[in-house]
Amino acid sequence: MKRVAIGAAAGLVLLSMGTAQAQMALTGAKGMTLYSFDKDKGGSPSCYEQCAAKWPPFVDAAAKPGKGWTMVARTDGGKQWAYDGKPAYYFAGDKKPGDMAGDGMGGVWHVLHP
């Protein structure tokens, strides 16, 4: 597994799995995979309450990500990070860095790629 720092202060990395078809995924500071949600429209998060319990928003206030990253407002008053206009989420089912168990779930959750 090869890691390339994207925003060193944020701990965001590009994760390249050592397979014939290398998968690249954006991860949070602890190496946990980040996901996008197809139902988010116009850069606005739409995953709240029970959805957010299973798919926690990426809200690391200490992160200082680089190019492509922005903070977006949530209707619950909070903010979360978005990459290339896509709000970023973790998946509660991922147990260790590098896990990508949420990819393709329900046909609407996808690993967040650079």
C-alpha atoms as a PDB file:
ATOM      1  CA  MET A   1       0.000   0.000   0.000  1.00  0.00           C
ATOM      2  CA  LYS A   2       1.458   3.318  -1.050  1.00  0.00           C
ATOM      3  CA  ARG A   3       0.459   6.609   0.559  1.00  0.00           C
ATOM      4  CA  VAL A   4       1.030  10.005  -0.936  1.00  0.00           C
ATOM      5  CA  ALA A   5       0.277  13.042   1.213  1.00  0.00           C
ATOM      6  CA  ILE A   6      -2.300  15.404  -0.249  1.00  0.00           C
ATOM      7  CA  GLY A   7      -2.573  17.808   2.659  1.00  0.00           C
ATOM      8  CA  ALA A   8       0.030  16.849   5.214  1.00  0.00           C
ATOM      9  CA  ALA A   9      -1.417  19.062   7.933  1.00  0.00           C
ATOM     10  CA  ALA A  10      -4.789  17.419   7.432  1.00  0.00           C
ATOM     11  CA  GLY A  11      -3.458  13.912   7.240  1.00  0.00           C
ATOM     12  CA  LEU A  12      -5.394  13.403   4.028  1.00  0.00           C
ATOM     13  CA  VAL A  13      -3.766  10.864   1.788  1.00  0.00           C
ATOM     14  CA  LEU A  14      -4.161   9.261  -1.561  1.00  0.00           C
ATOM     15  CA  LEU A  15      -4.309   5.525  -0.983  1.00  0.00           C
ATOM     16  CA  SER A  16      -3.022   3.275  -3.738  1.00  0.00           C
ATOM     17  CA  MET A  17      -3.748  -0.406  -3.219  1.00  0.00           C
ATOM     18  CA  GLY A  18      -1.172  -2.813  -4.639  1.00  0.00           C
ATOM     19  CA  THR A  19      -3.395  -4.580  -7.171  1.00  0.00           C
ATOM     20  CA  ALA A  20      -3.340  -4.919 -10.930  1.00  0.00           C
ATOM     21  CA  GLN A  21      -5.907  -2.139 -11.082  1.00  0.00           C
ATOM     22  CA  ALA A  22      -4.711   0.262  -8.423  1.00  0.00           C
ATOM     23  CA  GLN A  23      -7.574   1.796  -6.483  1.00  0.00           C
ATOM     24  CA  MET A  24      -7.117   5.326  -5.307  1.00  0.00           C
ATOM     25  CA  ALA A  25      -9.136   6.720  -2.458  1.00  0.00           C
ATOM     26  CA  LEU A  26      -9.118   9.827  -0.320  1.00  0.00           C
ATOM     27  CA  THR A  27      -8.839   9.101   3.378  1.00  0.00           C
ATOM     28  CA  GLY A  28      -9.084  11.037   6.611  1.00  0.00           C
ATOM     29  CA  ALA A  29      -6.262  11.634   9.072  1.00  0.00           C
ATOM     30  CA  LYS A  30      -6.371   8.109  10.499  1.00  0.00           C
ATOM     31  CA  GLY A  31      -6.384   6.440   7.090  1.00  0.00           C
ATOM     32  CA  MET A  32     -10.114   5.745   7.034  1.00  0.00           C
ATOM     33  CA  THR A  33     -11.701   5.842   3.584  1.00  0.00           C
ATOM     34  CA  LEU A  34     -13.909   8.764   2.601  1.00  0.00           C
ATOM     35  CA  TYR A  35     -17.068   8.365   0.511  1.00  0.00           C
ATOM     36  CA  SER A  36     -19.437  10.449  -1.605  1.00  0.00           C
ATOM     37  CA  PHE A  37     -23.239  10.094  -1.688  1.00  0.00           C
ATOM     38  CA  ASP A  38     -25.111  10.309  -5.013  1.00  0.00           C
ATOM     39  CA  LYS A  39     -28.131  11.923  -3.352  1.00  0.00           C
ATOM     40  CA  ASP A  40     -26.092  15.010  -2.403  1.00  0.00           C
ATOM     41  CA  LYS A  41     -26.981  17.692  -4.942  1.00  0.00           C
ATOM     42  CA  GLY A  42     -25.317  21.011  -5.644  1.00  0.00           C
ATOM     43  CA  GLY A  43     -22.554  20.351  -3.119  1.00  0.00           C
ATOM     44  CA  SER A  44     -25.042  20.203  -0.221  1.00  0.00           C
ATOM     45  CA  PRO A  45     -25.025  17.260   2.204  1.00  0.00           C
ATOM     46  CA  SER A  46     -28.249  15.266   2.428  1.00  0.00           C
ATOM     47  CA  CYS A  47     -27.231  12.571   4.934  1.00  0.00           C
ATOM     48  CA  TYR A  48     -28.589  13.320   8.423  1.00  0.00           C
ATOM     49  CA  GLU A  49     -29.848  11.538  11.567  1.00  0.00           C
ATOM     50  CA  GLN A  50     -29.962   7.752  10.984  1.00  0.00           C
ATOM     51  CA  CYS A  51     -28.077   8.112   7.726  1.00  0.00           C
ATOM     52  CA  ALA A  52     -25.322  10.131   9.449  1.00  0.00           C
ATOM     53  CA  ALA A  53     -25.066   7.506  12.200  1.00  0.00           C
ATOM     54  CA  LYS A  54     -24.070   4.961   9.544  1.00  0.00           C
ATOM     55  CA  TRP A  55     -22.244   7.482   7.315  1.00  0.00           C
ATOM     56  CA  PRO A  56     -20.634  10.086   9.620  1.00  0.00           C
ATOM     57  CA  PRO A  57     -19.761  13.335   7.861  1.00  0.00           C
ATOM     58  CA  PHE A  58     -16.083  14.244   7.600  1.00  0.00           C
ATOM     59  CA  VAL A  59     -15.979  17.234   9.967  1.00  0.00           C
ATOM     60  CA  ASP A  60     -12.358  17.315  11.176  1.00  0.00           C
ATOM     61  CA  ALA A  61     -12.010  20.957  12.301  1.00  0.00           C
ATOM     62  CA  ALA A  62      -8.214  20.645  12.544  1.00  0.00           C
ATOM     63  CA  ALA A  63      -7.827  19.517   8.929  1.00  0.00           C
ATOM     64  CA  LYS A  64      -6.239  21.924   6.475  1.00  0.00           C
ATOM     65  CA  PRO A  65      -6.687  20.098   3.177  1.00  0.00           C
ATOM     66  CA  GLY A  66      -5.243  21.342  -0.059  1.00  0.00           C
ATOM     67  CA  LYS A  67      -6.545  21.938  -3.546  1.00  0.00           C
ATOM     68  CA  GLY A  68     -10.075  20.734  -4.265  1.00  0.00           C
ATOM     69  CA  TRP A  69     -11.230  20.771  -0.619  1.00  0.00           C
ATOM     70  CA  THR A  70     -13.870  23.145   0.761  1.00  0.00           C
ATOM     71  CA  MET A  71     -16.105  23.350   3.821  1.00  0.00           C
ATOM     72  CA  VAL A  72     -19.839  23.088   3.144  1.00  0.00           C
ATOM     73  CA  ALA A  73     -22.723  24.006   5.433  1.00  0.00           C
ATOM     74  CA  ARG A  74     -25.014  21.349   6.880  1.00  0.00           C
ATOM     75  CA  THR A  75     -28.674  22.037   7.637  1.00  0.00           C
ATOM     76  CA  ASP A  76     -28.036  20.944  11.247  1.00  0.00           C
ATOM     77  CA  GLY A  77     -25.795  23.994  11.704  1.00  0.00           C
ATOM     78  CA  GLY A  78     -22.498  22.178  11.308  1.00  0.00           C
ATOM     79  CA  LYS A  79     -19.997  22.080   8.490  1.00  0.00           C
ATOM     80  CA  GLN A  80     -18.284  19.242   6.722  1.00  0.00           C
ATOM     81  CA  TRP A  81     -15.474  18.875   4.227  1.00  0.00           C
ATOM     82  CA  ALA A  82     -16.208  18.359   0.545  1.00  0.00           C
ATOM     83  CA  TYR A  83     -13.839  17.350  -2.223  1.00  0.00           C
ATOM     84  CA  ASP A  84     -14.463  18.672  -5.714  1.00  0.00           C
ATOM     85  CA  GLY A  85     -17.924  19.770  -4.570  1.00  0.00           C
ATOM     86  CA  LYS A  86     -18.832  16.350  -3.114  1.00  0.00           C
ATOM     87  CA  PRO A  87     -19.470  16.232   0.652  1.00  0.00           C
ATOM     88  CA  ALA A  88     -17.221  13.613   2.279  1.00  0.00           C
ATOM     89  CA  TYR A  89     -18.371  10.874   4.667  1.00  0.00           C
ATOM     90  CA  TYR A  90     -16.889   7.934   6.549  1.00  0.00           C
ATOM     91  CA  PHE A  91     -18.622   4.528   6.677  1.00  0.00           C
ATOM     92  CA  ALA A  92     -19.252   3.123  10.159  1.00  0.00           C
ATOM     93  CA  GLY A  93     -18.747  -0.394   8.775  1.00  0.00           C
ATOM     94  CA  ASP A  94     -15.083   0.265   7.945  1.00  0.00           C
ATOM     95  CA  LYS A  95     -13.050  -1.043  10.855  1.00  0.00           C
ATOM     96  CA  LYS A  96      -9.446  -0.304   9.913  1.00  0.00           C
ATOM     97  CA  PRO A  97      -7.469   1.981   7.605  1.00  0.00           C
ATOM     98  CA  GLY A  98      -7.758   0.882   3.998  1.00  0.00           C
ATOM     99  CA  ASP A  99     -11.193  -0.742   4.427  1.00  0.00           C
ATOM    100  CA  MET A 100     -13.608   0.178   1.626  1.00  0.00           C
ATOM    101  CA  ALA A 101     -16.662  -1.846   2.679  1.00  0.00           C
ATOM    102  CA  GLY A 102     -19.057   0.993   1.873  1.00  0.00           C
ATOM    103  CA  ASP A 103     -18.072   1.269  -1.792  1.00  0.00           C
ATOM    104  CA  GLY A 104     -21.109   0.724  -4.008  1.00  0.00           C
ATOM    105  CA  MET A 105     -23.490   0.280  -1.064  1.00  0.00           C
ATOM    106  CA  GLY A 106     -27.084   0.760  -2.163  1.00  0.00           C
ATOM    107  CA  GLY A 107     -25.750   1.858  -5.528  1.00  0.00           C
ATOM    108  CA  VAL A 108     -25.397   5.414  -4.146  1.00  0.00           C
ATOM    109  CA  TRP A 109     -22.237   5.376  -1.981  1.00  0.00           C
ATOM    110  CA  HIS A 110     -18.810   5.504  -3.606  1.00  0.00           C
ATOM    111  CA  VAL A 111     -15.200   5.789  -2.528  1.00  0.00           C
ATOM    112  CA  LEU A 112     -14.189   9.412  -2.888  1.00  0.00           C
ATOM    113  CA  HIS A 113     -11.534   9.567  -5.591  1.00  0.00           C
ATOM    114  CA  PRO A 114      -9.203  12.447  -6.419  1.00  0.00           C
END
